[in-house]
Amino acid sequence: GIDLPQCVICFKVLGTDSMKLAKLKFHLEKCHLNLLQKDDDYFCLKQQHLNSTSAFYNKINKAVRASYILAYKVAQAKKPHTLEQFVLPYAKEMVQLVLGEEAARKLNDISVSNDTVSRQINEISHNISEQVVNEIKKCPLFAIQLDESTDVALYSQLLVFARYMVEGDVKDKFLFCKTLDTTTKAQDVMEIVNNFFEVHVLDWVSLVGVTTDGAPTKLGSRLGFQMLVKQCASMATGVHCFIHREALASKTLPDQLNTVFKGLVKVANHIKSSALNTSLFKRFCLDMGADFDVLLFYTSVRWLSAGNVLNRGFQLREELDLFLQAQELAYLVNIFGILNKLNLQLQGKGTNLFSHQSIIKAFLDKLELRLRVEGNNLVQFPYVDAILREKGAIQMQILDHLRKLRDKVDRIRDVLSFIRNPFITDINSVPENLQEEFLDLKNDFAAQDVYQQSTIEKFWASMTGSYPNLSAHTVRFLLPFESTYMCETGFS
């Protein structure tokens, strides 16, 4: 650690720049005004006395620990450093009222200056990063997800998370965030990631999965980041984020429906882009007795934006006076509501290939159900069914769009059923070189008990010692992230 100056009277830990004469004098006058006339020998004796007793160190240790805890909590809440300077005075008042003046004076030992808090947050961040890297080094395999976004200062930030197995458990941890100084090409991203691997001595051979969005710089077949990774880690699996794939599939609209959607977005954004138009529209809605009085902006980068904008536009359809056909707008509200629900199901931490597989399969099965539209029966689309008497005109458009949507959404082949449940799987679905070990596992009653009480990841992690080859094979499919959700939430 770094040795910092401390006051021999009040034991307060000071900043590195506090040894300047002016700052020492300021501290003495502010905190120890009654000692201004004391000579140097008095303070030397104080130092010798305090160095000879452990009470001094215990007191300082508690104050420093409290300061680190406060810095950690503020950083965790993403609050500015200056917040501590407001917290401490209020804390003193509360302690004084509850515990008395003597207890409140002890809080003076806690350092909460900007420089101290900034230094402590950096030390905590460095320590956590070292812990994560050391855990990854102990694991034979790990996977990463990454994404790039531009912050409010117009700097491109690269965010990377890692997933690995340690002590029979799967962990998803933040790895690093770096600034892309110039361009954001695949080579630039690869240079930063490779430099991090070299500095922290991480082995590319241990990387089994890399998950990115659908940008050409990430998924390009020649110069994409995933291709560059495979040059260093030939066994790594490239994964296209499931949530981005769903968002791309949801953009499949017939020309007539697309015209309705763009018309609504254009009107909504026109009203929202002007403060005067927004105020006039709000007053108009209030006069009409509408349930809502504001519209929503549409932004293509927000996954749920289209569904939310359409739903609000439909609720205010009479007030907007868009001259749109109500049946088409009603259908768009229904289908984007369904797609938003699918998107939300795909989000979240701790997901794996099988959880996404189940969600996608259920969605496609429901899509097949909705394709069985007959006559005027449109109960699967409540908004259309509620406002239209004759549904025949919209029926063909609905069927056409649903078929295109079905073809656009990727259906995941169930070729890894033995990983999901090895105790009910036929041996023919297991690679030949693993079949003998698989039969031993299938008839292991103790392993069946572990399976029933654990998640899929924890189960296979616990089987590493007993069935090493089978476990190593399954981990290569379980470790890769199925989406860049953690990166997206990190940028939010």
Protein backbone atom coordinates (compact mmCIF):
# COMPACT_ATOMS: atom_id res chain seq x y z
CA GLY A 1 0.00 0.00 0.00
CA ILE A 2 0.88 3.68 -0.12
CA ASP A 3 2.13 5.39 3.06
CA LEU A 4 0.04 8.48 3.75
CA PRO A 5 0.58 11.27 6.30
CA GLN A 6 -1.51 11.19 9.46
CA CYS A 7 -2.13 13.76 12.14
CA VAL A 8 -0.50 12.80 15.47
CA ILE A 9 -3.22 14.61 17.42
CA CYS A 10 -6.53 13.48 15.84
CA PHE A 11 -5.10 10.50 13.85
CA LYS A 12 -6.86 11.68 10.66
CA VAL A 13 -5.42 10.21 7.42
CA LEU A 14 -4.51 13.10 5.11
CA GLY A 15 -3.95 13.37 1.36
CA THR A 16 -0.57 12.99 -0.32
CA ASP A 17 -0.33 16.74 -0.92
CA SER A 18 -1.13 17.67 2.70
CA MET A 19 2.56 17.90 3.68
CA LYS A 20 2.74 21.37 2.17
CA LEU A 21 3.31 24.01 4.84
CA ALA A 22 0.15 25.94 4.00
CA LYS A 23 -2.05 22.86 4.25
CA LEU A 24 -0.45 21.71 7.49
CA LYS A 25 -1.06 25.14 8.98
CA PHE A 26 -4.67 25.09 7.73
CA HIS A 27 -5.32 21.72 9.39
CA LEU A 28 -3.76 22.86 12.67
CA GLU A 29 -5.81 26.07 12.78
CA LYS A 30 -9.04 24.34 11.81
CA CYS A 31 -8.87 21.24 14.00
CA HIS A 32 -6.43 22.08 16.80
CA LEU A 33 -6.67 25.80 17.41
CA ASN A 34 -5.77 25.38 21.07
CA LEU A 35 -2.36 23.92 20.15
CA LEU A 36 -1.10 26.81 18.02
CA GLN A 37 1.39 27.94 20.67
CA LYS A 38 2.93 24.50 21.20
CA ASP A 39 6.54 23.98 20.09
CA ASP A 40 7.98 21.22 17.89
CA ASP A 41 9.05 19.09 20.87
CA TYR A 42 5.42 18.71 21.92
CA PHE A 43 4.42 17.19 18.57
CA CYS A 44 7.53 14.94 18.49
CA LEU A 45 6.60 13.54 21.89
CA LYS A 46 3.05 12.95 20.64
CA GLN A 47 4.40 11.00 17.70
CA GLN A 48 6.71 8.86 19.84
CA HIS A 49 3.93 8.11 22.30
CA LEU A 50 1.45 7.12 19.63
CA ASN A 51 3.95 4.94 17.79
CA SER A 52 4.41 2.89 20.94
CA THR A 53 0.74 1.96 21.37
CA SER A 54 -1.47 -0.25 19.20
CA ALA A 55 -4.57 1.83 19.96
CA PHE A 56 -3.39 4.34 17.39
CA TYR A 57 -3.20 1.74 14.64
CA ASN A 58 -6.54 0.18 15.52
CA LYS A 59 -8.21 3.55 15.41
CA ILE A 60 -6.62 4.47 12.10
CA ASN A 61 -7.45 1.07 10.61
CA LYS A 62 -11.15 1.47 11.40
CA ALA A 63 -11.25 5.00 9.98
CA VAL A 64 -9.48 3.97 6.78
CA ARG A 65 -11.76 0.95 6.38
CA ALA A 66 -14.85 3.13 6.83
CA SER A 67 -13.50 5.54 4.22
CA TYR A 68 -12.97 2.70 1.72
CA ILE A 69 -16.46 1.31 2.35
CA LEU A 70 -18.00 4.74 1.74
CA ALA A 71 -15.98 5.20 -1.47
CA TYR A 72 -17.03 1.73 -2.67
CA LYS A 73 -20.72 2.35 -2.01
CA VAL A 74 -20.67 5.71 -3.79
CA ALA A 75 -18.86 4.21 -6.81
CA GLN A 76 -21.33 1.31 -6.85
CA ALA A 77 -24.23 3.78 -6.92
CA LYS A 78 -22.50 5.78 -9.71
CA LYS A 79 -22.59 9.00 -7.69
CA PRO A 80 -20.03 11.85 -7.87
CA HIS A 81 -17.11 12.00 -5.42
CA THR A 82 -18.41 15.20 -3.85
CA LEU A 83 -21.33 13.25 -2.36
CA GLU A 84 -19.12 12.04 0.51
CA GLN A 85 -18.54 15.59 1.67
CA PHE A 86 -22.29 15.93 2.17
CA VAL A 87 -22.71 12.47 3.73
CA LEU A 88 -20.18 12.93 6.55
CA PRO A 89 -21.70 16.11 8.09
CA TYR A 90 -25.15 14.53 8.07
CA ALA A 91 -23.76 11.32 9.54
CA LYS A 92 -22.17 13.33 12.37
CA GLU A 93 -25.49 14.97 13.17
CA MET A 94 -27.31 11.64 13.27
CA VAL A 95 -24.65 9.98 15.43
CA GLN A 96 -24.58 12.97 17.76
CA LEU A 97 -28.34 12.79 18.28
CA VAL A 98 -28.40 9.01 18.79
CA LEU A 99 -25.03 8.21 20.43
CA GLY A 100 -23.73 11.52 21.71
CA GLU A 101 -20.98 14.05 21.03
CA GLU A 102 -18.10 11.69 21.84
CA ALA A 103 -19.18 9.16 19.20
CA ALA A 104 -19.74 11.91 16.63
CA ARG A 105 -16.17 13.19 17.12
CA LYS A 106 -14.81 9.78 16.09
CA LEU A 107 -16.19 10.33 12.60
CA ASN A 108 -13.66 13.14 12.13
CA ASP A 109 -11.01 10.47 11.56
CA ILE A 110 -12.70 9.38 8.30
CA SER A 111 -11.15 11.09 5.27
CA VAL A 112 -13.64 11.95 2.52
CA SER A 113 -11.78 14.49 0.38
CA ASN A 114 -12.08 14.31 -3.42
CA ASP A 115 -8.48 13.17 -3.88
CA THR A 116 -8.79 10.48 -1.20
CA VAL A 117 -12.05 9.10 -2.57
CA SER A 118 -10.76 9.12 -6.15
CA ARG A 119 -7.61 7.26 -5.07
CA GLN A 120 -9.61 4.71 -3.07
CA ILE A 121 -12.01 4.01 -5.94
CA ASN A 122 -9.06 3.43 -8.29
CA GLU A 123 -7.44 1.08 -5.77
CA ILE A 124 -10.68 -0.85 -5.28
CA SER A 125 -11.19 -1.11 -9.05
CA HIS A 126 -7.62 -2.33 -9.55
CA ASN A 127 -8.00 -4.91 -6.78
CA ILE A 128 -11.28 -6.28 -8.17
CA SER A 129 -9.77 -6.48 -11.65
CA GLU A 130 -6.80 -8.45 -10.29
CA GLN A 131 -9.14 -10.87 -8.51
CA VAL A 132 -11.14 -11.52 -11.69
CA VAL A 133 -8.02 -12.00 -13.83
CA ASN A 134 -6.49 -14.38 -11.28
CA GLU A 135 -9.69 -16.45 -11.21
CA ILE A 136 -9.71 -16.62 -15.02
CA LYS A 137 -6.10 -17.80 -15.04
CA LYS A 138 -7.06 -20.69 -12.76
CA CYS A 139 -9.82 -21.80 -15.17
CA PRO A 140 -9.05 -23.95 -18.21
CA LEU A 141 -11.75 -22.23 -20.32
CA PHE A 142 -13.54 -18.88 -20.42
CA ALA A 143 -15.70 -16.78 -22.77
CA ILE A 144 -16.18 -13.05 -23.38
CA GLN A 145 -18.84 -10.67 -24.66
CA LEU A 146 -18.05 -7.19 -25.91
CA ASP A 147 -19.69 -4.13 -27.40
CA GLU A 148 -18.73 -0.60 -28.37
CA SER A 149 -20.69 2.59 -27.81
CA THR A 150 -20.12 6.35 -27.94
CA ASP A 151 -20.46 8.25 -24.66
CA VAL A 152 -21.74 11.81 -24.08
CA ALA A 153 -18.21 13.18 -24.66
CA LEU A 154 -18.21 11.52 -28.13
CA TYR A 155 -15.54 8.99 -27.16
CA SER A 156 -15.97 5.37 -28.28
CA GLN A 157 -15.88 3.04 -25.28
CA LEU A 158 -15.21 -0.70 -25.53
CA LEU A 159 -16.83 -2.77 -22.79
CA VAL A 160 -15.87 -6.42 -22.16
CA PHE A 161 -17.36 -9.02 -19.77
CA ALA A 162 -16.06 -12.53 -19.05
CA ARG A 163 -17.74 -15.81 -18.07
CA TYR A 164 -15.81 -18.64 -16.44
CA MET A 165 -16.20 -21.58 -14.08
CA VAL A 166 -14.55 -21.55 -10.66
CA GLU A 167 -15.12 -23.81 -7.64
CA GLY A 168 -18.13 -25.50 -9.22
CA ASP A 169 -19.90 -22.25 -10.09
CA VAL A 170 -20.27 -20.06 -13.19
CA LYS A 171 -19.39 -16.38 -12.82
CA ASP A 172 -20.16 -13.44 -15.11
CA LYS A 173 -17.75 -10.59 -14.33
CA PHE A 174 -16.80 -7.21 -15.77
CA LEU A 175 -13.35 -7.49 -17.38
CA PHE A 176 -12.40 -4.02 -18.63
CA CYS A 177 -13.51 -0.81 -20.35
CA LYS A 178 -11.12 0.94 -22.74
CA THR A 179 -11.40 3.98 -25.00
CA LEU A 180 -11.00 3.57 -28.77
CA ASP A 181 -8.89 6.65 -29.53
CA THR A 182 -9.31 6.75 -33.32
CA THR A 183 -11.36 4.39 -35.48
CA THR A 184 -13.59 1.55 -34.27
CA LYS A 185 -12.58 -1.09 -36.82
CA ALA A 186 -12.17 -4.75 -35.95
CA GLN A 187 -8.37 -4.35 -35.96
CA ASP A 188 -8.61 -1.54 -33.37
CA VAL A 189 -10.84 -3.63 -31.10
CA MET A 190 -8.57 -6.65 -31.51
CA GLU A 191 -5.51 -4.57 -30.65
CA ILE A 192 -7.03 -3.43 -27.34
CA VAL A 193 -8.26 -6.91 -26.37
CA ASN A 194 -4.97 -8.55 -27.34
CA ASN A 195 -2.99 -5.94 -25.39
CA PHE A 196 -5.11 -6.65 -22.29
CA PHE A 197 -4.49 -10.39 -22.71
CA GLU A 198 -0.73 -9.83 -23.01
CA VAL A 199 -0.48 -7.46 -20.03
CA HIS A 200 -2.43 -9.83 -17.77
CA VAL A 201 -0.93 -13.02 -19.28
CA LEU A 202 -4.26 -14.52 -20.43
CA ASP A 203 -4.04 -17.42 -22.87
CA TRP A 204 -6.01 -17.15 -26.12
CA VAL A 205 -6.17 -20.96 -26.28
CA SER A 206 -8.46 -20.96 -23.22
CA LEU A 207 -11.02 -18.72 -24.95
CA VAL A 208 -14.00 -20.81 -26.11
CA GLY A 209 -16.57 -18.16 -27.03
CA VAL A 210 -16.89 -14.53 -28.11
CA THR A 211 -20.30 -12.83 -28.33
CA THR A 212 -20.87 -9.60 -30.28
CA ASP A 213 -23.66 -7.69 -32.00
CA GLY A 214 -24.34 -7.90 -35.73
CA ALA A 215 -22.14 -4.99 -36.87
CA PRO A 216 -19.89 -5.82 -39.87
CA THR A 217 -16.79 -4.90 -37.84
CA LYS A 218 -17.72 -7.62 -35.36
CA LEU A 219 -19.18 -10.37 -37.60
CA GLY A 220 -17.48 -9.70 -40.95
CA SER A 221 -16.47 -12.93 -42.69
CA ARG A 222 -13.02 -11.60 -43.64
CA LEU A 223 -11.97 -8.77 -41.36
CA GLY A 224 -14.56 -9.00 -38.60
CA PHE A 225 -13.45 -9.15 -34.96
CA GLN A 226 -14.67 -12.72 -34.55
CA MET A 227 -12.53 -13.84 -37.50
CA LEU A 228 -9.48 -12.14 -35.98
CA VAL A 229 -10.16 -13.89 -32.68
CA LYS A 230 -10.31 -17.29 -34.39
CA GLN A 231 -6.83 -16.68 -35.78
CA CYS A 232 -5.59 -16.62 -32.16
CA ALA A 233 -8.12 -19.06 -30.70
CA SER A 234 -9.13 -21.57 -33.35
CA MET A 235 -11.55 -23.40 -31.03
CA ALA A 236 -13.46 -20.25 -30.02
CA THR A 237 -17.14 -20.12 -31.01
CA GLY A 238 -18.46 -16.86 -32.47
CA VAL A 239 -21.96 -15.97 -31.25
CA HIS A 240 -24.27 -13.34 -32.77
CA CYS A 241 -26.25 -11.75 -29.93
CA PHE A 242 -29.74 -13.32 -29.72
CA ILE A 243 -31.36 -10.03 -28.75
CA HIS A 244 -29.88 -8.21 -31.75
CA ARG A 245 -31.04 -11.04 -34.01
CA GLU A 246 -34.58 -10.70 -32.63
CA ALA A 247 -34.45 -6.92 -33.15
CA LEU A 248 -33.37 -7.41 -36.78
CA ALA A 249 -36.13 -9.95 -37.39
CA SER A 250 -38.75 -7.57 -35.99
CA LYS A 251 -37.93 -5.04 -38.74
CA THR A 252 -39.41 -7.37 -41.37
CA LEU A 253 -42.54 -5.48 -42.48
CA PRO A 254 -44.53 -5.52 -45.75
CA ASP A 255 -44.40 -2.23 -47.68
CA GLN A 256 -47.92 -1.13 -46.73
CA LEU A 257 -47.39 -1.78 -43.00
CA ASN A 258 -43.97 -0.16 -43.15
CA THR A 259 -45.58 2.98 -44.63
CA VAL A 260 -48.01 3.13 -41.71
CA PHE A 261 -45.20 2.69 -39.19
CA LYS A 262 -42.98 5.36 -40.75
CA GLY A 263 -45.92 7.76 -40.97
CA LEU A 264 -46.65 7.42 -37.26
CA VAL A 265 -42.96 7.80 -36.34
CA LYS A 266 -42.62 10.90 -38.53
CA VAL A 267 -45.63 12.60 -36.93
CA ALA A 268 -44.62 11.63 -33.38
CA ASN A 269 -41.02 12.82 -33.81
CA HIS A 270 -42.21 16.05 -35.47
CA ILE A 271 -44.40 16.88 -32.47
CA LYS A 272 -41.75 15.86 -29.92
CA SER A 273 -38.94 17.79 -31.66
CA SER A 274 -40.57 21.15 -30.92
CA ALA A 275 -41.33 22.48 -27.44
CA LEU A 276 -44.23 24.54 -28.83
CA ASN A 277 -45.76 21.58 -30.68
CA THR A 278 -45.40 19.41 -27.59
CA SER A 279 -47.16 21.98 -25.40
CA LEU A 280 -49.98 22.54 -27.91
CA PHE A 281 -50.51 18.80 -28.38
CA LYS A 282 -50.58 18.26 -24.61
CA ARG A 283 -53.23 20.98 -24.19
CA PHE A 284 -55.22 19.50 -27.08
CA CYS A 285 -55.17 16.01 -25.48
CA LEU A 286 -56.27 17.41 -22.12
CA ASP A 287 -59.17 19.23 -23.78
CA MET A 288 -60.17 16.00 -25.56
CA GLY A 289 -60.07 14.03 -22.28
CA ALA A 290 -57.47 11.58 -23.61
CA ASP A 291 -55.80 9.00 -21.35
CA PHE A 292 -52.34 10.28 -22.33
CA ASP A 293 -51.07 13.71 -23.26
CA VAL A 294 -47.55 13.02 -24.56
CA LEU A 295 -46.07 11.00 -27.41
CA LEU A 296 -42.85 8.98 -27.32
CA PHE A 297 -39.73 9.45 -29.43
CA TYR A 298 -38.74 6.58 -31.69
CA THR A 299 -35.06 5.59 -31.67
CA SER A 300 -33.97 2.56 -33.67
CA VAL A 301 -31.14 1.69 -31.24
CA ARG A 302 -33.63 1.10 -28.42
CA TRP A 303 -34.95 -2.46 -28.62
CA LEU A 304 -38.41 -1.73 -27.21
CA SER A 305 -38.87 1.71 -28.76
CA ALA A 306 -40.98 0.69 -31.78
CA GLY A 307 -43.55 -1.21 -29.72
CA ASN A 308 -43.85 1.57 -27.13
CA VAL A 309 -44.23 4.31 -29.76
CA LEU A 310 -46.88 2.34 -31.66
CA ASN A 311 -48.85 1.55 -28.52
CA ARG A 312 -48.92 5.20 -27.44
CA GLY A 313 -49.81 6.31 -30.98
CA PHE A 314 -52.70 3.88 -31.07
CA GLN A 315 -53.99 5.14 -27.71
CA LEU A 316 -53.95 8.68 -29.16
CA ARG A 317 -55.05 7.76 -32.69
CA GLU A 318 -58.09 10.05 -32.69
CA GLU A 319 -56.15 13.01 -31.35
CA LEU A 320 -53.28 12.55 -33.81
CA ASP A 321 -55.59 12.53 -36.84
CA LEU A 322 -52.98 10.72 -38.89
CA PHE A 323 -55.32 9.74 -41.72
CA LEU A 324 -53.99 6.20 -41.32
CA GLN A 325 -56.06 3.06 -41.70
CA ALA A 326 -56.93 1.99 -38.16
CA GLN A 327 -56.74 -1.74 -38.93
CA GLU A 328 -53.09 -1.60 -40.00
CA LEU A 329 -52.06 0.54 -37.04
CA ALA A 330 -53.93 -1.82 -34.69
CA TYR A 331 -52.07 -4.83 -36.09
CA LEU A 332 -48.69 -3.10 -35.74
CA VAL A 333 -49.46 -2.37 -32.08
CA ASN A 334 -50.30 -6.05 -31.48
CA ILE A 335 -47.31 -7.57 -33.26
CA PHE A 336 -44.73 -5.18 -31.82
CA GLY A 337 -46.15 -5.78 -28.37
CA ILE A 338 -45.51 -9.50 -28.93
CA LEU A 339 -41.97 -8.80 -30.19
CA ASN A 340 -41.24 -6.55 -27.21
CA LYS A 341 -42.30 -9.35 -24.89
CA LEU A 342 -39.93 -11.73 -26.70
CA ASN A 343 -37.11 -9.19 -26.42
CA LEU A 344 -37.62 -8.81 -22.67
CA GLN A 345 -37.58 -12.58 -22.22
CA LEU A 346 -34.20 -12.78 -23.97
CA GLN A 347 -32.70 -10.14 -21.68
CA GLY A 348 -31.15 -10.83 -18.30
CA LYS A 349 -28.05 -12.27 -16.65
CA GLY A 350 -27.17 -15.93 -16.22
CA THR A 351 -28.76 -17.06 -19.50
CA ASN A 352 -27.45 -19.89 -21.65
CA LEU A 353 -28.06 -21.54 -25.01
CA PHE A 354 -30.89 -23.71 -23.69
CA SER A 355 -32.86 -20.91 -22.02
CA HIS A 356 -32.76 -18.91 -25.28
CA GLN A 357 -33.57 -22.03 -27.26
CA SER A 358 -36.73 -22.61 -25.21
CA ILE A 359 -37.87 -19.00 -25.58
CA ILE A 360 -37.32 -18.94 -29.36
CA LYS A 361 -39.06 -22.30 -29.83
CA ALA A 362 -42.09 -21.14 -27.82
CA PHE A 363 -42.25 -17.94 -29.88
CA LEU A 364 -42.15 -19.84 -33.19
CA ASP A 365 -44.83 -22.28 -32.00
CA LYS A 366 -47.06 -19.33 -31.05
CA LEU A 367 -46.34 -17.83 -34.45
CA GLU A 368 -47.57 -21.02 -36.12
CA LEU A 369 -50.74 -20.76 -34.00
CA ARG A 370 -51.33 -17.18 -35.15
CA LEU A 371 -50.90 -18.25 -38.77
CA ARG A 372 -54.13 -20.24 -38.46
CA VAL A 373 -56.22 -17.15 -39.05
CA GLU A 374 -59.62 -18.10 -40.44
CA GLY A 375 -62.47 -15.82 -41.48
CA ASN A 376 -63.05 -12.97 -39.06
CA ASN A 377 -61.42 -14.75 -36.12
CA LEU A 378 -58.54 -12.54 -34.99
CA VAL A 379 -58.64 -13.12 -31.24
CA GLN A 380 -54.83 -13.46 -31.25
CA PHE A 381 -54.69 -9.75 -32.16
CA PRO A 382 -57.04 -8.07 -29.63
CA TYR A 383 -56.66 -4.48 -30.91
CA VAL A 384 -57.60 -5.51 -34.47
CA ASP A 385 -60.42 -7.72 -33.22
CA ALA A 386 -61.82 -4.94 -31.02
CA ILE A 387 -62.06 -2.07 -33.51
CA LEU A 388 -62.83 -3.82 -36.81
CA ARG A 389 -66.06 -5.47 -37.85
CA GLU A 390 -64.81 -6.81 -41.16
CA LYS A 391 -61.34 -8.33 -40.88
CA GLY A 392 -60.96 -9.80 -44.33
CA ALA A 393 -59.09 -6.78 -45.72
CA ILE A 394 -56.29 -7.02 -43.14
CA GLN A 395 -56.16 -10.83 -42.95
CA MET A 396 -53.89 -11.36 -45.97
CA GLN A 397 -51.42 -8.71 -44.80
CA ILE A 398 -51.23 -10.33 -41.38
CA LEU A 399 -50.59 -13.78 -42.84
CA ASP A 400 -47.94 -12.41 -45.22
CA HIS A 401 -46.09 -10.63 -42.44
CA LEU A 402 -46.23 -13.56 -40.02
CA ARG A 403 -44.77 -15.91 -42.65
CA LYS A 404 -41.89 -13.51 -43.31
CA LEU A 405 -41.30 -13.12 -39.60
CA ARG A 406 -41.29 -16.89 -39.11
CA ASP A 407 -38.69 -17.32 -41.87
CA LYS A 408 -36.55 -14.49 -40.49
CA VAL A 409 -36.30 -15.79 -36.92
CA ASP A 410 -33.61 -18.45 -36.67
CA ARG A 411 -34.80 -21.81 -35.44
CA ILE A 412 -32.14 -23.37 -33.23
CA ARG A 413 -31.50 -27.02 -33.91
CA ASP A 414 -31.68 -29.23 -30.84
CA VAL A 415 -28.41 -31.10 -31.31
CA LEU A 416 -27.19 -30.79 -27.72
CA SER A 417 -29.97 -32.53 -25.85
CA PHE A 418 -27.53 -34.65 -23.86
CA ILE A 419 -26.13 -31.47 -22.26
CA ARG A 420 -29.58 -30.34 -21.10
CA ASN A 421 -30.44 -33.72 -19.54
CA PRO A 422 -27.92 -36.56 -19.92
CA PHE A 423 -30.10 -39.03 -18.00
CA ILE A 424 -32.92 -39.25 -20.56
CA THR A 425 -30.89 -38.75 -23.75
CA ASP A 426 -30.21 -41.48 -26.31
CA ILE A 427 -26.54 -42.38 -26.68
CA ASN A 428 -26.66 -41.79 -30.46
CA SER A 429 -26.81 -38.03 -29.87
CA VAL A 430 -23.44 -38.12 -28.07
CA PRO A 431 -20.09 -37.95 -29.97
CA GLU A 432 -18.54 -41.42 -30.31
CA ASN A 433 -15.37 -40.57 -28.39
CA LEU A 434 -17.50 -39.60 -25.35
CA GLN A 435 -20.07 -42.39 -25.38
CA GLU A 436 -18.39 -44.68 -22.81
CA GLU A 437 -17.97 -41.85 -20.31
CA PHE A 438 -21.55 -40.76 -21.05
CA LEU A 439 -22.90 -44.23 -20.14
CA ASP A 440 -21.02 -44.11 -16.83
CA LEU A 441 -22.62 -40.74 -16.07
CA LYS A 442 -26.09 -41.82 -17.17
CA ASN A 443 -26.06 -44.66 -14.65
CA ASP A 444 -24.51 -42.64 -11.82
CA PHE A 445 -27.31 -42.22 -9.25
CA ALA A 446 -25.30 -39.75 -7.16
CA ALA A 447 -24.86 -37.55 -10.25
CA GLN A 448 -28.63 -37.70 -10.84
CA ASP A 449 -29.22 -36.30 -7.36
CA VAL A 450 -26.78 -33.45 -8.05
CA TYR A 451 -28.50 -32.73 -11.38
CA GLN A 452 -31.93 -32.41 -9.75
CA GLN A 453 -30.63 -29.88 -7.20
CA SER A 454 -28.41 -27.75 -9.47
CA THR A 455 -28.54 -25.57 -12.55
CA ILE A 456 -27.12 -26.97 -15.80
CA GLU A 457 -23.92 -24.94 -15.46
CA LYS A 458 -23.28 -25.92 -11.84
CA PHE A 459 -24.02 -29.57 -12.59
CA TRP A 460 -21.46 -29.86 -15.38
CA ALA A 461 -18.93 -27.80 -13.40
CA SER A 462 -19.25 -30.29 -10.53
CA MET A 463 -18.68 -33.22 -12.93
CA THR A 464 -15.24 -31.97 -14.01
CA GLY A 465 -13.36 -34.34 -11.71
CA SER A 466 -15.49 -37.46 -12.28
CA TYR A 467 -16.10 -37.09 -16.03
CA PRO A 468 -13.40 -34.73 -17.34
CA ASN A 469 -13.76 -35.33 -21.09
CA LEU A 470 -17.55 -35.09 -21.15
CA SER A 471 -17.53 -32.04 -18.90
CA ALA A 472 -14.87 -30.26 -20.98
CA HIS A 473 -16.95 -30.85 -24.11
CA THR A 474 -20.16 -29.44 -22.60
CA VAL A 475 -18.45 -26.41 -21.07
CA ARG A 476 -17.49 -25.23 -24.57
CA PHE A 477 -21.20 -24.82 -25.30
CA LEU A 478 -22.27 -23.47 -21.91
CA LEU A 479 -19.63 -20.78 -21.37
CA PRO A 480 -20.21 -18.53 -24.45
CA PHE A 481 -22.61 -15.66 -23.81
CA GLU A 482 -25.82 -15.80 -25.84
CA SER A 483 -26.23 -12.01 -25.95
CA THR A 484 -24.40 -8.74 -25.24
CA TYR A 485 -26.98 -7.83 -22.60
CA MET A 486 -24.40 -7.06 -19.89
CA CYS A 487 -22.51 -4.71 -22.22
CA GLU A 488 -25.76 -2.94 -23.16
CA THR A 489 -26.72 -2.46 -19.51
CA GLY A 490 -23.20 -1.23 -18.81
CA PHE A 491 -23.66 1.54 -21.40
CA SER A 492 -27.13 2.45 -20.10
